Amino acid sequence: MPEATTTTTTLAAGGQGASLTELRFEDMVSIILKWKWVILFFAITIPIIASLIMLTVKPLYTATAIVTVKTSTPESQTLGGRLVSNREVLTELNESLFIKSRMVLNDVVRELKLNVNMTKEKKLADFLLSIIKGQSGENNFRDSVKRINLSEEASAGVYIDFISPDQFTVTTVKENKYIGKGRLDELFQCKYGSFLLEDFPHKIQDKFLLKYQDVDQVARQLASRMNVKTLGHSKA
């Protein structure tokens, strides 16, 4: 009799364990079905939001370059507000002062057009297309901008809206004020300044933001972000 009682108890426990396992699985399925739309919503929106943030946040880059400073004559020049000779530039470790001088950085800004920014205003379709193609960041069409000179009144920039393949309208960013109509490959002039746009990839109804800064201002910003170290001297 004791053996029979023990066997019956074991079977009941085993049956109860199987029943509990089956109920837990059913609960999981029931919860998933109940909240399926919420789960689906987050499964779709979170990747999209993460991709939009990745595309809109401007990346920060660090670049390293080696610059050789050579002098061929003992002529003097003005650096940092004081008169120094070319020999003094080298012997007193003033390469940093020379590289970060306005004379040098102004030429860099002009050569690379760092004071000109022309970017396309992305629509939702552009964002989705960028995600599909795996692209990030934004293209800068500064190389298509020629002979630009905008006044302080347009310091916030101007909007360029294409109304035809070669024709566009111009409005100010600050006041959203219409200031004129222009064409590609023709100098656009108004009271806020002038610029010339050469042909570049665009479509009708595309909108671009064109910004222009003073060369000296950009050179000062560039100098503040530069870190110059002397590696050594050579007689070459």
C-alpha atoms as a PDB file:
ATOM      1  CA  MET A   1       0.000   0.000   0.000  1.00  0.00           C
ATOM      2  CA  PRO A   2       2.723   2.622   0.752  1.00  0.00           C
ATOM      3  CA  GLU A   3       4.325   1.859  -2.608  1.00  0.00           C
ATOM      4  CA  ALA A   4       1.009   2.465  -4.482  1.00  0.00           C
ATOM      5  CA  THR A   5       0.483   5.772  -2.701  1.00  0.00           C
ATOM      6  CA  THR A   6       3.952   6.981  -3.661  1.00  0.00           C
ATOM      7  CA  THR A   7       3.470   6.102  -7.323  1.00  0.00           C
ATOM      8  CA  THR A   8       0.146   7.930  -7.550  1.00  0.00           C
ATOM      9  CA  THR A   9       1.637  11.084  -6.037  1.00  0.00           C
ATOM     10  CA  THR A  10       4.522  11.095  -8.524  1.00  0.00           C
ATOM     11  CA  LEU A  11       2.210  10.800 -11.529  1.00  0.00           C
ATOM     12  CA  ALA A  12       0.051  13.658 -10.290  1.00  0.00           C
ATOM     13  CA  ALA A  13       3.069  15.865  -9.866  1.00  0.00           C
ATOM     14  CA  GLY A  14       4.301  14.988 -13.333  1.00  0.00           C
ATOM     15  CA  GLY A  15       0.919  15.746 -14.849  1.00  0.00           C
ATOM     16  CA  GLN A  16       0.707  19.073 -13.004  1.00  0.00           C
ATOM     17  CA  GLY A  17       4.174  20.032 -14.241  1.00  0.00           C
ATOM     18  CA  ALA A  18       3.206  19.378 -17.855  1.00  0.00           C
ATOM     19  CA  SER A  19       0.019  21.395 -17.417  1.00  0.00           C
ATOM     20  CA  LEU A  20       1.919  24.383 -15.968  1.00  0.00           C
ATOM     21  CA  THR A  21       4.401  24.331 -18.852  1.00  0.00           C
ATOM     22  CA  GLU A  22       1.608  24.261 -21.383  1.00  0.00           C
ATOM     23  CA  LEU A  23      -0.184  27.202 -19.695  1.00  0.00           C
ATOM     24  CA  ARG A  24       2.954  29.339 -19.690  1.00  0.00           C
ATOM     25  CA  PHE A  25       3.436  28.899 -23.416  1.00  0.00           C
ATOM     26  CA  GLU A  26      -0.220  29.760 -24.048  1.00  0.00           C
ATOM     27  CA  ASP A  27       0.154  32.882 -21.913  1.00  0.00           C
ATOM     28  CA  MET A  28       3.107  34.003 -23.984  1.00  0.00           C
ATOM     29  CA  VAL A  29       1.204  33.515 -27.215  1.00  0.00           C
ATOM     30  CA  SER A  30      -1.808  35.313 -25.774  1.00  0.00           C
ATOM     31  CA  ILE A  31       0.281  38.308 -24.668  1.00  0.00           C
ATOM     32  CA  ILE A  32       1.971  38.553 -28.061  1.00  0.00           C
ATOM     33  CA  LEU A  33      -1.364  38.433 -29.879  1.00  0.00           C
ATOM     34  CA  LYS A  34      -2.872  40.980 -27.525  1.00  0.00           C
ATOM     35  CA  TRP A  35      -0.046  43.499 -27.975  1.00  0.00           C
ATOM     36  CA  LYS A  36       0.920  42.598 -31.542  1.00  0.00           C
ATOM     37  CA  TRP A  37       0.191  46.075 -32.949  1.00  0.00           C
ATOM     38  CA  VAL A  38       2.222  47.786 -30.241  1.00  0.00           C
ATOM     39  CA  ILE A  39       5.128  45.406 -30.805  1.00  0.00           C
ATOM     40  CA  LEU A  40       4.896  45.896 -34.564  1.00  0.00           C
ATOM     41  CA  PHE A  41       4.783  49.686 -34.131  1.00  0.00           C
ATOM     42  CA  PHE A  42       7.999  49.788 -32.099  1.00  0.00           C
ATOM     43  CA  ALA A  43       9.698  47.231 -34.339  1.00  0.00           C
ATOM     44  CA  ILE A  44       9.145  49.560 -37.310  1.00  0.00           C
ATOM     45  CA  THR A  45       9.523  53.029 -35.778  1.00  0.00           C
ATOM     46  CA  ILE A  46      12.671  52.471 -33.669  1.00  0.00           C
ATOM     47  CA  PRO A  47      14.912  51.514 -36.645  1.00  0.00           C
ATOM     48  CA  ILE A  48      13.490  54.408 -38.679  1.00  0.00           C
ATOM     49  CA  ILE A  49      14.097  56.937 -35.873  1.00  0.00           C
ATOM     50  CA  ALA A  50      17.621  55.592 -35.319  1.00  0.00           C
ATOM     51  CA  SER A  51      18.363  55.882 -39.044  1.00  0.00           C
ATOM     52  CA  LEU A  52      17.016  59.457 -39.196  1.00  0.00           C
ATOM     53  CA  ILE A  53      19.181  60.469 -36.238  1.00  0.00           C
ATOM     54  CA  MET A  54      22.215  58.881 -37.875  1.00  0.00           C
ATOM     55  CA  LEU A  55      21.544  60.787 -41.104  1.00  0.00           C
ATOM     56  CA  THR A  56      20.833  64.181 -39.546  1.00  0.00           C
ATOM     57  CA  VAL A  57      23.603  64.352 -36.925  1.00  0.00           C
ATOM     58  CA  LYS A  58      26.737  65.812 -38.468  1.00  0.00           C
ATOM     59  CA  PRO A  59      29.747  63.547 -37.962  1.00  0.00           C
ATOM     60  CA  LEU A  60      32.947  64.852 -36.392  1.00  0.00           C
ATOM     61  CA  TYR A  61      36.235  64.027 -38.021  1.00  0.00           C
ATOM     62  CA  THR A  62      39.858  64.320 -36.947  1.00  0.00           C
ATOM     63  CA  ALA A  63      42.582  64.629 -39.560  1.00  0.00           C
ATOM     64  CA  THR A  64      46.348  64.568 -39.188  1.00  0.00           C
ATOM     65  CA  ALA A  65      48.787  66.115 -41.636  1.00  0.00           C
ATOM     66  CA  ILE A  66      52.522  66.776 -41.769  1.00  0.00           C
ATOM     67  CA  VAL A  67      53.525  70.230 -42.989  1.00  0.00           C
ATOM     68  CA  THR A  68      57.095  71.162 -43.927  1.00  0.00           C
ATOM     69  CA  VAL A  69      58.028  74.807 -43.417  1.00  0.00           C
ATOM     70  CA  LYS A  70      60.925  75.904 -45.621  1.00  0.00           C
ATOM     71  CA  THR A  71      62.632  79.276 -45.843  1.00  0.00           C
ATOM     72  CA  SER A  72      65.001  80.340 -48.604  1.00  0.00           C
ATOM     73  CA  THR A  73      65.682  83.975 -47.673  1.00  0.00           C
ATOM     74  CA  PRO A  74      66.233  85.804 -44.365  1.00  0.00           C
ATOM     75  CA  GLU A  75      63.465  88.277 -45.153  1.00  0.00           C
ATOM     76  CA  SER A  76      61.264  89.319 -42.253  1.00  0.00           C
ATOM     77  CA  GLN A  77      57.506  88.971 -42.026  1.00  0.00           C
ATOM     78  CA  THR A  78      54.693  89.728 -39.630  1.00  0.00           C
ATOM     79  CA  LEU A  79      53.272  86.804 -37.657  1.00  0.00           C
ATOM     80  CA  GLY A  80      50.881  87.100 -34.754  1.00  0.00           C
ATOM     81  CA  GLY A  81      51.232  90.873 -34.639  1.00  0.00           C
ATOM     82  CA  ARG A  82      55.032  91.034 -34.349  1.00  0.00           C
ATOM     83  CA  LEU A  83      57.920  91.242 -36.821  1.00  0.00           C
ATOM     84  CA  VAL A  84      60.053  88.079 -37.057  1.00  0.00           C
ATOM     85  CA  SER A  85      62.627  86.831 -39.528  1.00  0.00           C
ATOM     86  CA  ASN A  86      62.396  83.568 -41.436  1.00  0.00           C
ATOM     87  CA  ARG A  87      65.295  82.200 -39.398  1.00  0.00           C
ATOM     88  CA  GLU A  88      63.513  83.125 -36.192  1.00  0.00           C
ATOM     89  CA  VAL A  89      60.429  81.241 -37.372  1.00  0.00           C
ATOM     90  CA  LEU A  90      62.462  78.051 -37.384  1.00  0.00           C
ATOM     91  CA  THR A  91      64.889  78.594 -34.503  1.00  0.00           C
ATOM     92  CA  GLU A  92      62.225  79.708 -32.011  1.00  0.00           C
ATOM     93  CA  LEU A  93      59.764  76.921 -32.889  1.00  0.00           C
ATOM     94  CA  ASN A  94      57.193  79.285 -34.348  1.00  0.00           C
ATOM     95  CA  GLU A  95      55.939  76.848 -36.990  1.00  0.00           C
ATOM     96  CA  SER A  96      52.648  76.667 -35.104  1.00  0.00           C
ATOM     97  CA  LEU A  97      52.287  80.439 -35.291  1.00  0.00           C
ATOM     98  CA  PHE A  98      53.080  80.366 -39.001  1.00  0.00           C
ATOM     99  CA  ILE A  99      50.683  77.519 -39.898  1.00  0.00           C
ATOM    100  CA  LYS A 100      47.853  79.029 -37.855  1.00  0.00           C
ATOM    101  CA  SER A 101      48.480  82.536 -39.150  1.00  0.00           C
ATOM    102  CA  ARG A 102      45.765  84.364 -41.069  1.00  0.00           C
ATOM    103  CA  MET A 103      48.027  84.567 -44.099  1.00  0.00           C
ATOM    104  CA  VAL A 104      48.154  80.772 -44.418  1.00  0.00           C
ATOM    105  CA  LEU A 105      44.657  79.814 -43.260  1.00  0.00           C
ATOM    106  CA  ASN A 106      42.946  82.415 -45.442  1.00  0.00           C
ATOM    107  CA  ASP A 107      44.511  80.757 -48.485  1.00  0.00           C
ATOM    108  CA  VAL A 108      43.352  77.338 -47.222  1.00  0.00           C
ATOM    109  CA  VAL A 109      39.788  78.570 -46.747  1.00  0.00           C
ATOM    110  CA  ARG A 110      39.698  80.117 -50.221  1.00  0.00           C
ATOM    111  CA  GLU A 111      41.268  77.094 -51.915  1.00  0.00           C
ATOM    112  CA  LEU A 112      38.889  74.580 -50.281  1.00  0.00           C
ATOM    113  CA  LYS A 113      35.897  76.961 -50.236  1.00  0.00           C
ATOM    114  CA  LEU A 114      35.357  76.266 -46.547  1.00  0.00           C
ATOM    115  CA  ASN A 115      33.386  79.507 -46.225  1.00  0.00           C
ATOM    116  CA  VAL A 116      30.738  78.287 -48.709  1.00  0.00           C
ATOM    117  CA  ASN A 117      28.093  75.679 -47.907  1.00  0.00           C
ATOM    118  CA  MET A 118      25.338  74.555 -50.239  1.00  0.00           C
ATOM    119  CA  THR A 119      23.280  71.599 -49.055  1.00  0.00           C
ATOM    120  CA  LYS A 120      20.074  70.036 -50.276  1.00  0.00           C
ATOM    121  CA  GLU A 121      17.032  70.142 -48.013  1.00  0.00           C
ATOM    122  CA  LYS A 122      16.062  66.489 -47.641  1.00  0.00           C
ATOM    123  CA  LYS A 123      12.471  65.366 -47.779  1.00  0.00           C
ATOM    124  CA  LEU A 124      11.060  62.156 -46.292  1.00  0.00           C
ATOM    125  CA  ALA A 125      11.544  60.346 -49.598  1.00  0.00           C
ATOM    126  CA  ASP A 126      15.200  61.401 -49.622  1.00  0.00           C
ATOM    127  CA  PHE A 127      15.698  60.088 -46.088  1.00  0.00           C
ATOM    128  CA  LEU A 128      14.128  56.730 -46.942  1.00  0.00           C
ATOM    129  CA  LEU A 129      16.195  56.487 -50.123  1.00  0.00           C
ATOM    130  CA  SER A 130      19.363  57.247 -48.159  1.00  0.00           C
ATOM    131  CA  ILE A 131      18.490  54.497 -45.679  1.00  0.00           C
ATOM    132  CA  ILE A 132      17.908  51.997 -48.482  1.00  0.00           C
ATOM    133  CA  LYS A 133      21.185  52.920 -50.168  1.00  0.00           C
ATOM    134  CA  GLY A 134      23.036  52.887 -46.855  1.00  0.00           C
ATOM    135  CA  GLN A 135      24.175  56.496 -47.172  1.00  0.00           C
ATOM    136  CA  SER A 136      24.642  58.968 -44.345  1.00  0.00           C
ATOM    137  CA  GLY A 137      25.461  62.635 -43.987  1.00  0.00           C
ATOM    138  CA  GLU A 138      24.707  65.268 -46.586  1.00  0.00           C
ATOM    139  CA  ASN A 139      26.285  66.234 -49.880  1.00  0.00           C
ATOM    140  CA  ASN A 140      27.847  69.663 -50.146  1.00  0.00           C
ATOM    141  CA  PHE A 141      27.597  71.315 -53.550  1.00  0.00           C
ATOM    142  CA  ARG A 142      30.068  74.116 -52.755  1.00  0.00           C
ATOM    143  CA  ASP A 143      32.128  73.346 -55.870  1.00  0.00           C
ATOM    144  CA  SER A 144      29.129  74.366 -58.012  1.00  0.00           C
ATOM    145  CA  VAL A 145      29.048  77.835 -56.439  1.00  0.00           C
ATOM    146  CA  LYS A 146      31.200  80.493 -58.110  1.00  0.00           C
ATOM    147  CA  ARG A 147      31.823  84.206 -57.539  1.00  0.00           C
ATOM    148  CA  ILE A 148      29.792  84.328 -54.345  1.00  0.00           C
ATOM    149  CA  ASN A 149      29.629  87.368 -52.091  1.00  0.00           C
ATOM    150  CA  LEU A 150      26.693  87.727 -49.691  1.00  0.00           C
ATOM    151  CA  SER A 151      26.235  90.594 -47.251  1.00  0.00           C
ATOM    152  CA  GLU A 152      25.705  90.402 -43.484  1.00  0.00           C
ATOM    153  CA  GLU A 153      21.950  90.733 -44.045  1.00  0.00           C
ATOM    154  CA  ALA A 154      22.053  87.266 -45.613  1.00  0.00           C
ATOM    155  CA  SER A 155      24.376  85.786 -42.986  1.00  0.00           C
ATOM    156  CA  ALA A 156      21.801  83.088 -42.169  1.00  0.00           C
ATOM    157  CA  GLY A 157      21.852  82.052 -45.821  1.00  0.00           C
ATOM    158  CA  VAL A 158      19.392  81.929 -48.711  1.00  0.00           C
ATOM    159  CA  TYR A 159      17.043  79.234 -49.995  1.00  0.00           C
ATOM    160  CA  ILE A 160      17.282  78.217 -53.639  1.00  0.00           C
ATOM    161  CA  ASP A 161      14.150  76.554 -55.059  1.00  0.00           C
ATOM    162  CA  PHE A 162      14.313  75.091 -58.558  1.00  0.00           C
ATOM    163  CA  ILE A 163      11.163  75.806 -60.557  1.00  0.00           C
ATOM    164  CA  SER A 164      12.560  74.398 -63.803  1.00  0.00           C
ATOM    165  CA  PRO A 165      15.672  72.435 -64.843  1.00  0.00           C
ATOM    166  CA  ASP A 166      17.740  75.644 -65.115  1.00  0.00           C
ATOM    167  CA  GLN A 167      15.707  78.287 -63.262  1.00  0.00           C
ATOM    168  CA  PHE A 168      15.385  78.932 -59.534  1.00  0.00           C
ATOM    169  CA  THR A 169      13.944  81.399 -57.043  1.00  0.00           C
ATOM    170  CA  VAL A 170      15.876  82.866 -54.110  1.00  0.00           C
ATOM    171  CA  THR A 171      14.481  83.704 -50.652  1.00  0.00           C
ATOM    172  CA  THR A 172      16.220  84.720 -47.439  1.00  0.00           C
ATOM    173  CA  VAL A 173      16.402  82.238 -44.582  1.00  0.00           C
ATOM    174  CA  LYS A 174      16.024  84.818 -41.832  1.00  0.00           C
ATOM    175  CA  GLU A 175      12.839  86.521 -43.029  1.00  0.00           C
ATOM    176  CA  ASN A 176      11.770  84.084 -45.756  1.00  0.00           C
ATOM    177  CA  LYS A 177      11.712  87.071 -48.102  1.00  0.00           C
ATOM    178  CA  TYR A 178      11.635  86.571 -51.869  1.00  0.00           C
ATOM    179  CA  ILE A 179      14.571  88.408 -53.428  1.00  0.00           C
ATOM    180  CA  GLY A 180      14.675  87.286 -57.034  1.00  0.00           C
ATOM    181  CA  LYS A 181      14.861  84.663 -59.740  1.00  0.00           C
ATOM    182  CA  GLY A 182      17.976  83.271 -61.403  1.00  0.00           C
ATOM    183  CA  ARG A 183      19.343  80.737 -63.870  1.00  0.00           C
ATOM    184  CA  LEU A 184      22.177  78.251 -63.881  1.00  0.00           C
ATOM    185  CA  ASP A 185      25.446  79.495 -65.397  1.00  0.00           C
ATOM    186  CA  GLU A 186      24.272  83.121 -65.040  1.00  0.00           C
ATOM    187  CA  LEU A 187      25.391  85.548 -62.342  1.00  0.00           C
ATOM    188  CA  PHE A 188      22.567  86.198 -59.872  1.00  0.00           C
ATOM    189  CA  GLN A 189      22.653  89.674 -58.331  1.00  0.00           C
ATOM    190  CA  CYS A 190      20.499  91.343 -55.697  1.00  0.00           C
ATOM    191  CA  LYS A 191      20.885  93.814 -52.848  1.00  0.00           C
ATOM    192  CA  TYR A 192      22.092  91.007 -50.584  1.00  0.00           C
ATOM    193  CA  GLY A 193      24.986  90.076 -52.867  1.00  0.00           C
ATOM    194  CA  SER A 194      25.679  87.856 -55.841  1.00  0.00           C
ATOM    195  CA  PHE A 195      26.593  84.297 -56.789  1.00  0.00           C
ATOM    196  CA  LEU A 196      26.824  82.039 -59.817  1.00  0.00           C
ATOM    197  CA  LEU A 197      25.644  78.418 -59.895  1.00  0.00           C
ATOM    198  CA  GLU A 198      27.011  75.892 -62.318  1.00  0.00           C
ATOM    199  CA  ASP A 199      25.145  72.761 -63.349  1.00  0.00           C
ATOM    200  CA  PHE A 200      24.925  69.994 -60.712  1.00  0.00           C
ATOM    201  CA  PRO A 201      22.575  67.059 -59.962  1.00  0.00           C
ATOM    202  CA  HIS A 202      19.115  68.393 -59.112  1.00  0.00           C
ATOM    203  CA  LYS A 203      15.436  68.057 -59.940  1.00  0.00           C
ATOM    204  CA  ILE A 204      12.501  70.447 -60.213  1.00  0.00           C
ATOM    205  CA  GLN A 205      11.171  71.378 -56.722  1.00  0.00           C
ATOM    206  CA  ASP A 206      14.516  70.590 -55.112  1.00  0.00           C
ATOM    207  CA  LYS A 207      15.407  73.078 -52.392  1.00  0.00           C
ATOM    208  CA  PHE A 208      18.947  74.055 -51.369  1.00  0.00           C
ATOM    209  CA  LEU A 209      20.397  76.109 -48.540  1.00  0.00           C
ATOM    210  CA  LEU A 210      23.282  78.354 -49.542  1.00  0.00           C
ATOM    211  CA  LYS A 211      25.389  79.893 -46.763  1.00  0.00           C
ATOM    212  CA  TYR A 212      28.404  82.152 -47.020  1.00  0.00           C
ATOM    213  CA  GLN A 213      30.808  83.299 -44.308  1.00  0.00           C
ATOM    214  CA  ASP A 214      33.618  85.806 -44.292  1.00  0.00           C
ATOM    215  CA  VAL A 215      36.997  84.203 -45.057  1.00  0.00           C
ATOM    216  CA  ASP A 216      38.643  85.717 -41.952  1.00  0.00           C
ATOM    217  CA  GLN A 217      35.872  84.415 -39.701  1.00  0.00           C
ATOM    218  CA  VAL A 218      36.197  80.854 -41.002  1.00  0.00           C
ATOM    219  CA  ALA A 219      39.995  81.052 -40.769  1.00  0.00           C
ATOM    220  CA  ARG A 220      39.738  82.015 -37.090  1.00  0.00           C
ATOM    221  CA  GLN A 221      37.353  79.119 -36.433  1.00  0.00           C
ATOM    222  CA  LEU A 222      39.725  76.751 -38.202  1.00  0.00           C
ATOM    223  CA  ALA A 223      42.703  78.006 -36.199  1.00  0.00           C
ATOM    224  CA  SER A 224      40.852  77.456 -32.912  1.00  0.00           C
ATOM    225  CA  ARG A 225      40.310  73.789 -33.804  1.00  0.00           C
ATOM    226  CA  MET A 226      43.888  73.119 -34.910  1.00  0.00           C
ATOM    227  CA  ASN A 227      46.568  71.564 -32.743  1.00  0.00           C
ATOM    228  CA  VAL A 228      50.090  72.019 -34.150  1.00  0.00           C
ATOM    229  CA  LYS A 229      53.097  70.124 -32.788  1.00  0.00           C
ATOM    230  CA  THR A 230      56.711  70.371 -33.897  1.00  0.00           C
ATOM    231  CA  LEU A 231      58.173  66.999 -34.888  1.00  0.00           C
ATOM    232  CA  GLY A 232      61.721  68.171 -35.536  1.00  0.00           C
ATOM    233  CA  HIS A 233      63.974  70.218 -37.754  1.00  0.00           C
ATOM    234  CA  SER A 234      65.831  69.309 -40.897  1.00  0.00           C
ATOM    235  CA  LYS A 235      68.473  71.136 -42.893  1.00  0.00           C
ATOM    236  CA  ALA A 236      66.979  69.929 -46.187  1.00  0.00           C
END
